[in-house]
Amino acid sequence: MSRQQITQLLHRWQQGDMQAREHLFEAMYSDLMQLARNRLSQQTNGTLQPAALVNESLMRLLGSDAEYKDRTHFVAIAALKMRSVLVDHLRARAASKRGAGVEQLTLSHADQAYEESNIGYDVLALHQALNQLAEMEPRAASTIELTYFGGMQRDEIALVLGVSAPTVDRDLRFARAWLNRQLR
């Protein structure tokens, strides 16, 4: 389905056409699954499957009042919802590891559990650092989110944020440097 057709479905859905919403989700599902696979490929624990991530993200999209401009904007918002689902999932896992549902581990399993927990905490640390950056420089934080969580190219980000491509490049350089300092 073309970008223009997707945009038309988005606009029809925003005007209350539920059939357009269903067609939109069908048309975008494979793209959203690929986005979810990319997000989850950095994790080795495999506790959250791509389909579950997409489905939960879509549920959160349904609960939001976002005004989607076009396909690119929709994918960007979906990517942010995926980030939110992933962070919530990792927080819940971290909470369960601190006491709820305590498991007995042998020493041979300790290294594996440590490696898995580090992945979660790295994502949570990044999430907290991005929130701090968003308070200070919201556009730079959005640029990082759209690049890494949304998988978007600089021209797409420029379109979504309403800035030039060189501005996106500057924001990315600043945000990367700032995050590197925060996450040391």
Protein backbone atom coordinates (compact mmCIF):
# COMPACT_ATOMS: atom_id res chain seq x y z
CA MET A 1 0.00 0.00 0.00
CA SER A 2 1.39 3.43 -0.91
CA ARG A 3 2.28 6.16 1.58
CA GLN A 4 -0.57 8.26 0.27
CA GLN A 5 -3.08 5.46 0.82
CA ILE A 6 -1.78 4.97 4.37
CA THR A 7 -2.14 8.70 5.03
CA GLN A 8 -5.70 8.60 3.71
CA LEU A 9 -6.52 5.68 6.01
CA LEU A 10 -5.04 7.57 8.96
CA HIS A 11 -7.17 10.63 8.23
CA ARG A 12 -10.32 8.54 7.76
CA TRP A 13 -9.63 6.75 11.04
CA GLN A 14 -9.19 10.08 12.83
CA GLN A 15 -12.60 11.10 11.50
CA GLY A 16 -14.14 8.01 13.11
CA ASP A 17 -13.99 5.39 10.33
CA MET A 18 -13.25 2.14 12.21
CA GLN A 19 -13.02 0.14 8.99
CA ALA A 20 -10.20 2.45 7.88
CA ARG A 21 -8.46 1.72 11.19
CA GLU A 22 -8.66 -2.03 10.58
CA HIS A 23 -7.30 -1.64 7.03
CA LEU A 24 -4.53 0.59 8.35
CA PHE A 25 -3.46 -1.91 11.00
CA GLU A 26 -3.50 -4.74 8.46
CA ALA A 27 -1.40 -2.71 6.03
CA MET A 28 1.09 -1.58 8.67
CA TYR A 29 1.37 -4.78 10.72
CA SER A 30 4.36 -6.23 8.86
CA ASP A 31 6.24 -2.91 9.11
CA LEU A 32 5.50 -2.72 12.82
CA MET A 33 6.61 -6.34 13.29
CA GLN A 34 9.93 -5.53 11.61
CA LEU A 35 10.35 -2.53 13.87
CA ALA A 36 9.62 -4.72 16.91
CA ARG A 37 12.10 -7.38 15.76
CA ASN A 38 14.77 -4.69 15.40
CA ARG A 39 14.04 -3.40 18.90
CA LEU A 40 14.08 -6.85 20.45
CA SER A 41 17.14 -8.10 18.54
CA GLN A 42 19.32 -6.26 21.05
CA GLN A 43 17.97 -8.42 23.87
CA THR A 44 19.08 -11.96 24.46
CA ASN A 45 16.55 -12.96 27.10
CA GLY A 46 13.65 -13.30 24.65
CA THR A 47 10.92 -12.86 27.24
CA LEU A 48 8.97 -10.42 25.08
CA GLN A 49 8.05 -11.55 21.58
CA PRO A 50 7.69 -9.14 18.62
CA ALA A 51 3.98 -9.90 18.18
CA ALA A 52 3.30 -9.13 21.85
CA LEU A 53 5.26 -5.88 21.57
CA VAL A 54 3.33 -4.83 18.44
CA ASN A 55 -0.04 -5.78 19.89
CA GLU A 56 0.53 -3.94 23.17
CA SER A 57 1.81 -0.92 21.25
CA LEU A 58 -1.27 -0.91 19.04
CA MET A 59 -3.48 -1.05 22.12
CA ARG A 60 -1.68 2.01 23.47
CA LEU A 61 -2.04 3.74 20.10
CA LEU A 62 -5.78 3.15 20.27
CA GLY A 63 -5.85 4.80 23.68
CA SER A 64 -4.03 7.93 22.54
CA ASP A 65 -5.39 11.08 20.96
CA ALA A 66 -2.47 11.64 18.57
CA GLU A 67 -3.14 13.50 15.35
CA TYR A 68 -1.18 11.55 12.76
CA LYS A 69 0.13 13.63 9.87
CA ASP A 70 1.17 10.73 7.66
CA ARG A 71 2.63 7.23 7.60
CA THR A 72 6.02 8.41 8.87
CA HIS A 73 4.44 10.17 11.82
CA PHE A 74 2.33 7.10 12.63
CA VAL A 75 5.40 4.83 12.60
CA ALA A 76 7.28 7.30 14.80
CA ILE A 77 4.48 7.31 17.38
CA ALA A 78 4.23 3.51 17.20
CA ALA A 79 7.98 3.27 17.83
CA LEU A 80 7.65 5.46 20.91
CA LYS A 81 4.79 3.30 22.17
CA MET A 82 7.01 0.24 21.64
CA ARG A 83 9.72 1.91 23.69
CA SER A 84 7.17 2.55 26.44
CA VAL A 85 5.98 -1.08 26.39
CA LEU A 86 9.56 -2.36 26.47
CA VAL A 87 10.49 -0.11 29.39
CA ASP A 88 7.37 -1.13 31.33
CA HIS A 89 8.16 -4.79 30.66
CA LEU A 90 11.74 -4.41 31.87
CA ARG A 91 10.63 -2.54 34.98
CA ALA A 92 8.20 -5.32 35.82
CA ARG A 93 10.95 -7.92 35.36
CA ALA A 94 13.32 -5.91 37.54
CA ALA A 95 10.65 -5.61 40.24
CA SER A 96 10.03 -9.34 40.17
CA LYS A 97 13.75 -10.00 40.50
CA ARG A 98 13.84 -7.85 43.65
CA GLY A 99 11.52 -10.11 45.59
CA ALA A 100 8.25 -10.96 43.91
CA GLY A 101 8.42 -14.53 42.65
CA VAL A 102 11.92 -15.19 43.98
CA GLU A 103 13.63 -18.14 42.33
CA GLN A 104 16.40 -20.29 43.73
CA LEU A 105 19.45 -20.15 41.46
CA THR A 106 22.51 -22.30 41.46
CA LEU A 107 25.87 -20.65 41.03
CA SER A 108 26.13 -21.90 37.44
CA HIS A 109 23.00 -19.89 36.52
CA ALA A 110 24.15 -16.69 38.22
CA ASP A 111 26.26 -15.47 35.30
CA GLN A 112 23.39 -15.88 32.85
CA ALA A 113 20.95 -14.08 35.16
CA TYR A 114 23.45 -11.25 35.62
CA GLU A 115 23.88 -10.83 31.84
CA GLU A 116 20.11 -10.76 31.30
CA SER A 117 19.53 -8.22 34.03
CA ASN A 118 22.24 -5.92 32.66
CA ILE A 119 20.41 -5.68 29.34
CA GLY A 120 17.25 -4.59 31.10
CA TYR A 121 19.00 -2.09 33.28
CA ASP A 122 20.86 -0.63 30.30
CA VAL A 123 17.53 0.03 28.57
CA LEU A 124 16.13 1.52 31.76
CA ALA A 125 19.20 3.71 32.22
CA LEU A 126 18.84 4.92 28.64
CA HIS A 127 15.14 5.59 29.25
CA GLN A 128 15.92 7.69 32.33
CA ALA A 129 18.69 9.57 30.53
CA LEU A 130 16.37 10.28 27.58
CA ASN A 131 13.77 11.65 29.96
CA GLN A 132 16.38 13.98 31.45
CA LEU A 133 17.46 15.06 27.97
CA ALA A 134 13.82 15.67 27.01
CA GLU A 135 13.45 18.09 29.91
CA MET A 136 16.51 20.00 28.78
CA GLU A 137 16.39 19.64 24.97
CA PRO A 138 13.08 18.09 23.84
CA ARG A 139 13.84 18.17 20.11
CA ALA A 140 17.22 16.46 20.57
CA ALA A 141 15.56 13.74 22.66
CA SER A 142 12.88 13.27 20.00
CA THR A 143 15.58 13.01 17.34
CA ILE A 144 17.33 10.21 19.25
CA GLU A 145 14.03 8.40 19.88
CA LEU A 146 13.00 8.57 16.24
CA THR A 147 16.43 7.45 15.07
CA TYR A 148 17.01 4.55 17.43
CA PHE A 149 13.55 3.53 18.56
CA GLY A 150 11.75 4.52 15.37
CA GLY A 151 14.42 3.38 12.92
CA MET A 152 13.84 6.52 10.90
CA GLN A 153 16.25 8.25 8.52
CA ARG A 154 17.28 11.88 8.95
CA ASP A 155 14.98 13.14 6.16
CA GLU A 156 11.99 11.39 7.71
CA ILE A 157 12.86 12.82 11.12
CA ALA A 158 13.20 16.29 9.64
CA LEU A 159 9.73 15.94 8.12
CA VAL A 160 8.14 14.71 11.36
CA LEU A 161 9.80 17.39 13.51
CA GLY A 162 9.42 20.19 10.95
CA VAL A 163 13.13 21.04 10.84
CA SER A 164 15.91 20.79 8.27
CA ALA A 165 18.09 17.69 7.83
CA PRO A 166 21.23 19.57 9.04
CA THR A 167 19.31 20.48 12.22
CA VAL A 168 18.57 16.78 12.72
CA ASP A 169 22.29 16.04 12.32
CA ARG A 170 23.21 18.70 14.90
CA ASP A 171 20.60 17.45 17.34
CA LEU A 172 21.87 13.87 16.93
CA ARG A 173 25.49 14.89 17.57
CA PHE A 174 24.50 16.85 20.67
CA ALA A 175 22.20 14.14 22.02
CA ARG A 176 24.73 11.34 21.46
CA ALA A 177 27.47 13.30 23.24
CA TRP A 178 25.15 14.19 26.12
CA LEU A 179 23.92 10.60 26.49
CA ASN A 180 27.47 9.23 26.37
CA ARG A 181 28.37 11.47 29.30
CA GLN A 182 25.25 10.50 31.27
CA LEU A 183 25.55 6.76 30.72
CA ARG A 184 29.21 6.31 31.74
